[in-house]
Amino acid sequence: MPTAVNYALLESVLTAFEAAKKLLTTAQVALFPENQFRDFRETAATLDCFAYDLSRQE
C-alpha cells in the first residue's frame, strides 16, 4: 500500500539537517585538531573509495 509523502515536511527536515551540518562544520573549525568530531559515515565512504577505487559520483 503506497504511503503519502509530505514533501513540505521532508524539505523542512533537509533544511534543518543542512543547517545543523553547517553549525557542526563551524564548530569543528573552531576546535583544536585533537578535539575535533569525527563523521564516521563520511570516513567510511572515503575509505570505501580508496579500498574499492570508487568515484563519489558513482
PDB file of N, CA and C in Angstrom:
ATOM      1  N   MET A   1       0.847  -1.174   0.000  1.00  0.00           N
ATOM      2  CA  MET A   1       0.000   0.000   0.000  1.00  0.00           C
ATOM      3  C   MET A   1       0.896   1.243   0.000  1.00  0.00           C
ATOM      4  N   PRO A   2       0.789   2.091  -1.000  1.00  0.00           N
ATOM      5  CA  PRO A   2       1.638   3.285  -1.054  1.00  0.00           C
ATOM      6  C   PRO A   2       1.295   4.262   0.064  1.00  0.00           C
ATOM      7  N   THR A   3       2.325   4.930   0.532  1.00  0.00           N
ATOM      8  CA  THR A   3       2.106   5.929   1.574  1.00  0.00           C
ATOM      9  C   THR A   3       2.245   7.316   0.983  1.00  0.00           C
ATOM     10  N   ALA A   4       1.509   8.254   1.533  1.00  0.00           N
ATOM     11  CA  ALA A   4       1.581   9.635   1.076  1.00  0.00           C
ATOM     12  C   ALA A   4       2.871  10.252   1.598  1.00  0.00           C
ATOM     13  N   VAL A   5       3.530  10.989   0.752  1.00  0.00           N
ATOM     14  CA  VAL A   5       4.782  11.635   1.124  1.00  0.00           C
ATOM     15  C   VAL A   5       4.513  13.119   1.336  1.00  0.00           C
ATOM     16  N   ASN A   6       4.888  13.599   2.491  1.00  0.00           N
ATOM     17  CA  ASN A   6       4.719  15.013   2.791  1.00  0.00           C
ATOM     18  C   ASN A   6       6.012  15.717   2.390  1.00  0.00           C
ATOM     19  N   TYR A   7       6.043  16.226   1.161  1.00  0.00           N
ATOM     20  CA  TYR A   7       7.253  16.828   0.617  1.00  0.00           C
ATOM     21  C   TYR A   7       7.649  18.107   1.358  1.00  0.00           C
ATOM     22  N   ALA A   8       6.664  18.843   1.847  1.00  0.00           N
ATOM     23  CA  ALA A   8       6.980  20.052   2.612  1.00  0.00           C
ATOM     24  C   ALA A   8       7.705  19.686   3.898  1.00  0.00           C
ATOM     25  N   LEU A   9       7.273  18.622   4.545  1.00  0.00           N
ATOM     26  CA  LEU A   9       7.936  18.164   5.768  1.00  0.00           C
ATOM     27  C   LEU A   9       9.342  17.667   5.457  1.00  0.00           C
ATOM     28  N   LEU A  10       9.483  16.894   4.381  1.00  0.00           N
ATOM     29  CA  LEU A  10      10.809  16.404   4.000  1.00  0.00           C
ATOM     30  C   LEU A  10      11.759  17.555   3.692  1.00  0.00           C
ATOM     31  N   GLU A  11      11.269  18.560   3.018  1.00  0.00           N
ATOM     32  CA  GLU A  11      12.102  19.714   2.682  1.00  0.00           C
ATOM     33  C   GLU A  11      12.530  20.472   3.939  1.00  0.00           C
ATOM     34  N   SER A  12      11.614  20.621   4.889  1.00  0.00           N
ATOM     35  CA  SER A  12      11.976  21.319   6.123  1.00  0.00           C
ATOM     36  C   SER A  12      12.970  20.514   6.949  1.00  0.00           C
ATOM     37  N   VAL A  13      12.846  19.196   6.934  1.00  0.00           N
ATOM     38  CA  VAL A  13      13.798  18.351   7.652  1.00  0.00           C
ATOM     39  C   VAL A  13      15.172  18.430   6.998  1.00  0.00           C
ATOM     40  N   LEU A  14      15.223  18.384   5.681  1.00  0.00           N
ATOM     41  CA  LEU A  14      16.508  18.509   4.983  1.00  0.00           C
ATOM     42  C   LEU A  14      17.151  19.865   5.242  1.00  0.00           C
ATOM     43  N   THR A  15      16.345  20.901   5.272  1.00  0.00           N
ATOM     44  CA  THR A  15      16.868  22.237   5.580  1.00  0.00           C
ATOM     45  C   THR A  15      17.452  22.268   6.983  1.00  0.00           C
ATOM     46  N   ALA A  16      16.761  21.650   7.937  1.00  0.00           N
ATOM     47  CA  ALA A  16      17.261  21.604   9.314  1.00  0.00           C
ATOM     48  C   ALA A  16      18.566  20.820   9.387  1.00  0.00           C
ATOM     49  N   PHE A  17      18.668  19.698   8.681  1.00  0.00           N
ATOM     50  CA  PHE A  17      19.903  18.912   8.669  1.00  0.00           C
ATOM     51  C   PHE A  17      21.052  19.697   8.049  1.00  0.00           C
ATOM     52  N   GLU A  18      20.783  20.410   6.974  1.00  0.00           N
ATOM     53  CA  GLU A  18      21.827  21.219   6.335  1.00  0.00           C
ATOM     54  C   GLU A  18      22.319  22.311   7.281  1.00  0.00           C
ATOM     55  N   ALA A  19      21.393  22.948   8.000  1.00  0.00           N
ATOM     56  CA  ALA A  19      21.779  23.985   8.963  1.00  0.00           C
ATOM     57  C   ALA A  19      22.602  23.388  10.092  1.00  0.00           C
ATOM     58  N   ALA A  20      22.208  22.212  10.560  1.00  0.00           N
ATOM     59  CA  ALA A  20      22.958  21.555  11.635  1.00  0.00           C
ATOM     60  C   ALA A  20      24.357  21.173  11.166  1.00  0.00           C
ATOM     61  N   LYS A  21      24.474  20.686   9.935  1.00  0.00           N
ATOM     62  CA  LYS A  21      25.794  20.314   9.414  1.00  0.00           C
ATOM     63  C   LYS A  21      26.689  21.549   9.281  1.00  0.00           C
ATOM     64  N   LYS A  22      26.118  22.677   8.868  1.00  0.00           N
ATOM     65  CA  LYS A  22      26.901  23.915   8.776  1.00  0.00           C
ATOM     66  C   LYS A  22      27.395  24.340  10.152  1.00  0.00           C
ATOM     67  N   LEU A  23      26.513  24.253  11.164  1.00  0.00           N
ATOM     68  CA  LEU A  23      26.917  24.597  12.525  1.00  0.00           C
ATOM     69  C   LEU A  23      28.011  23.650  13.033  1.00  0.00           C
ATOM     70  N   LEU A  24      27.874  22.376  12.740  1.00  0.00           N
ATOM     71  CA  LEU A  24      28.884  21.404  13.155  1.00  0.00           C
ATOM     72  C   LEU A  24      30.216  21.687  12.476  1.00  0.00           C
ATOM     73  N   THR A  25      30.189  22.011  11.207  1.00  0.00           N
ATOM     74  CA  THR A  25      31.415  22.336  10.478  1.00  0.00           C
ATOM     75  C   THR A  25      32.080  23.573  11.071  1.00  0.00           C
ATOM     76  N   THR A  26      31.276  24.579  11.390  1.00  0.00           N
ATOM     77  CA  THR A  26      31.818  25.782  12.009  1.00  0.00           C
ATOM     78  C   THR A  26      32.453  25.462  13.356  1.00  0.00           C
ATOM     79  N   ALA A  27      31.802  24.617  14.138  1.00  0.00           N
ATOM     80  CA  ALA A  27      32.345  24.226  15.441  1.00  0.00           C
ATOM     81  C   ALA A  27      33.638  23.433  15.279  1.00  0.00           C
ATOM     82  N   GLN A  28      33.697  22.558  14.276  1.00  0.00           N
ATOM     83  CA  GLN A  28      34.900  21.758  14.050  1.00  0.00           C
ATOM     84  C   GLN A  28      36.087  22.640  13.718  1.00  0.00           C
ATOM     85  N   VAL A  29      35.875  23.669  12.924  1.00  0.00           N
ATOM     86  CA  VAL A  29      36.957  24.562  12.538  1.00  0.00           C
ATOM     87  C   VAL A  29      37.479  25.305  13.767  1.00  0.00           C
ATOM     88  N   ALA A  30      36.579  25.655  14.681  1.00  0.00           N
ATOM     89  CA  ALA A  30      36.973  26.419  15.870  1.00  0.00           C
ATOM     90  C   ALA A  30      37.730  25.571  16.889  1.00  0.00           C
ATOM     91  N   LEU A  31      37.554  24.264  16.859  1.00  0.00           N
ATOM     92  CA  LEU A  31      38.206  23.392  17.835  1.00  0.00           C
ATOM     93  C   LEU A  31      39.619  23.036  17.399  1.00  0.00           C
ATOM     94  N   PHE A  32      40.417  22.674  18.359  1.00  0.00           N
ATOM     95  CA  PHE A  32      41.758  22.176  18.056  1.00  0.00           C
ATOM     96  C   PHE A  32      41.645  20.812  17.384  1.00  0.00           C
ATOM     97  N   PRO A  33      42.622  20.433  16.559  1.00  0.00           N
ATOM     98  CA  PRO A  33      42.545  19.158  15.824  1.00  0.00           C
ATOM     99  C   PRO A  33      42.348  17.936  16.727  1.00  0.00           C
ATOM    100  N   GLU A  34      42.943  17.924  17.900  1.00  0.00           N
ATOM    101  CA  GLU A  34      42.802  16.741  18.760  1.00  0.00           C
ATOM    102  C   GLU A  34      41.421  16.629  19.392  1.00  0.00           C
ATOM    103  N   ASN A  35      40.635  17.706  19.338  1.00  0.00           N
ATOM    104  CA  ASN A  35      39.299  17.703  19.926  1.00  0.00           C
ATOM    105  C   ASN A  35      38.185  17.702  18.890  1.00  0.00           C
ATOM    106  N   GLN A  36      38.530  17.552  17.629  1.00  0.00           N
ATOM    107  CA  GLN A  36      37.509  17.623  16.585  1.00  0.00           C
ATOM    108  C   GLN A  36      36.638  16.374  16.573  1.00  0.00           C
ATOM    109  N   PHE A  37      35.398  16.598  16.134  1.00  0.00           N
ATOM    110  CA  PHE A  37      34.464  15.491  15.979  1.00  0.00           C
ATOM    111  C   PHE A  37      34.826  14.703  14.727  1.00  0.00           C
ATOM    112  N   ARG A  38      34.388  13.484  14.680  1.00  0.00           N
ATOM    113  CA  ARG A  38      34.614  12.651  13.510  1.00  0.00           C
ATOM    114  C   ARG A  38      33.252  12.274  12.910  1.00  0.00           C
ATOM    115  N   ASP A  39      33.160  12.364  11.602  1.00  0.00           N
ATOM    116  CA  ASP A  39      31.951  11.930  10.900  1.00  0.00           C
ATOM    117  C   ASP A  39      32.241  10.529  10.377  1.00  0.00           C
ATOM    118  N   PHE A  40      31.758   9.529  11.108  1.00  0.00           N
ATOM    119  CA  PHE A  40      32.101   8.148  10.794  1.00  0.00           C
ATOM    120  C   PHE A  40      31.551   7.696   9.443  1.00  0.00           C
ATOM    121  N   ARG A  41      30.380   8.218   9.059  1.00  0.00           N
ATOM    122  CA  ARG A  41      29.831   7.839   7.748  1.00  0.00           C
ATOM    123  C   ARG A  41      30.688   8.391   6.626  1.00  0.00           C
ATOM    124  N   GLU A  42      31.136   9.635   6.779  1.00  0.00           N
ATOM    125  CA  GLU A  42      31.972  10.234   5.745  1.00  0.00           C
ATOM    126  C   GLU A  42      33.324   9.520   5.682  1.00  0.00           C
ATOM    127  N   THR A  43      33.880   9.174   6.837  1.00  0.00           N
ATOM    128  CA  THR A  43      35.145   8.455   6.884  1.00  0.00           C
ATOM    129  C   THR A  43      35.007   7.090   6.211  1.00  0.00           C
ATOM    130  N   ALA A  44      33.922   6.386   6.507  1.00  0.00           N
ATOM    131  CA  ALA A  44      33.696   5.069   5.910  1.00  0.00           C
ATOM    132  C   ALA A  44      33.551   5.174   4.397  1.00  0.00           C
ATOM    133  N   ALA A  45      32.832   6.187   3.936  1.00  0.00           N
ATOM    134  CA  ALA A  45      32.650   6.369   2.493  1.00  0.00           C
ATOM    135  C   ALA A  45      33.986   6.672   1.816  1.00  0.00           C
ATOM    136  N   THR A  46      34.812   7.489   2.459  1.00  0.00           N
ATOM    137  CA  THR A  46      36.127   7.818   1.901  1.00  0.00           C
ATOM    138  C   THR A  46      37.014   6.579   1.841  1.00  0.00           C
ATOM    139  N   LEU A  47      37.009   5.795   2.913  1.00  0.00           N
ATOM    140  CA  LEU A  47      37.815   4.573   2.927  1.00  0.00           C
ATOM    141  C   LEU A  47      37.345   3.583   1.865  1.00  0.00           C
ATOM    142  N   ASP A  48      36.023   3.489   1.668  1.00  0.00           N
ATOM    143  CA  ASP A  48      35.494   2.618   0.613  1.00  0.00           C
ATOM    144  C   ASP A  48      35.985   3.073  -0.759  1.00  0.00           C
ATOM    145  N   CYS A  49      36.025   4.382  -0.977  1.00  0.00           N
ATOM    146  CA  CYS A  49      36.501   4.898  -2.264  1.00  0.00           C
ATOM    147  C   CYS A  49      37.953   4.508  -2.504  1.00  0.00           C
ATOM    148  N   PHE A  50      38.773   4.602  -1.459  1.00  0.00           N
ATOM    149  CA  PHE A  50      40.175   4.210  -1.601  1.00  0.00           C
ATOM    150  C   PHE A  50      40.321   2.697  -1.773  1.00  0.00           C
ATOM    151  N   ALA A  51      39.570   1.931  -0.981  1.00  0.00           N
ATOM    152  CA  ALA A  51      39.709   0.471  -0.997  1.00  0.00           C
ATOM    153  C   ALA A  51      39.223  -0.145  -2.296  1.00  0.00           C
ATOM    154  N   TYR A  52      38.114   0.366  -2.818  1.00  0.00           N
ATOM    155  CA  TYR A  52      37.486  -0.246  -3.995  1.00  0.00           C
ATOM    156  C   TYR A  52      37.642   0.609  -5.245  1.00  0.00           C
ATOM    157  N   ASP A  53      38.426   1.686  -5.160  1.00  0.00           N
ATOM    158  CA  ASP A  53      38.684   2.575  -6.303  1.00  0.00           C
ATOM    159  C   ASP A  53      37.380   3.087  -6.900  1.00  0.00           C
ATOM    160  N   LEU A  54      36.501   3.573  -6.014  1.00  0.00           N
ATOM    161  CA  LEU A  54      35.208   4.079  -6.431  1.00  0.00           C
ATOM    162  C   LEU A  54      35.264   5.596  -6.575  1.00  0.00           C
ATOM    163  N   SER A  55      34.441   6.085  -7.461  1.00  0.00           N
ATOM    164  CA  SER A  55      34.289   7.533  -7.597  1.00  0.00           C
ATOM    165  C   SER A  55      33.067   7.938  -6.788  1.00  0.00           C
ATOM    166  N   ARG A  56      33.088   9.120  -6.155  1.00  0.00           N
ATOM    167  CA  ARG A  56      31.948   9.597  -5.372  1.00  0.00           C
ATOM    168  C   ARG A  56      30.718   9.825  -6.252  1.00  0.00           C
ATOM    169  N   GLN A  57      30.922  10.008  -7.549  1.00  0.00           N
ATOM    170  CA  GLN A  57      29.789  10.245  -8.434  1.00  0.00           C
ATOM    171  C   GLN A  57      29.086   8.939  -8.830  1.00  0.00           C
ATOM    172  N   GLU A  58      29.691   7.807  -8.557  1.00  0.00           N
ATOM    173  CA  GLU A  58      29.073   6.533  -8.970  1.00  0.00           C
ATOM    174  C   GLU A  58      27.967   6.144  -8.036  1.00  0.00           C
TER     175      GLU A  58
END
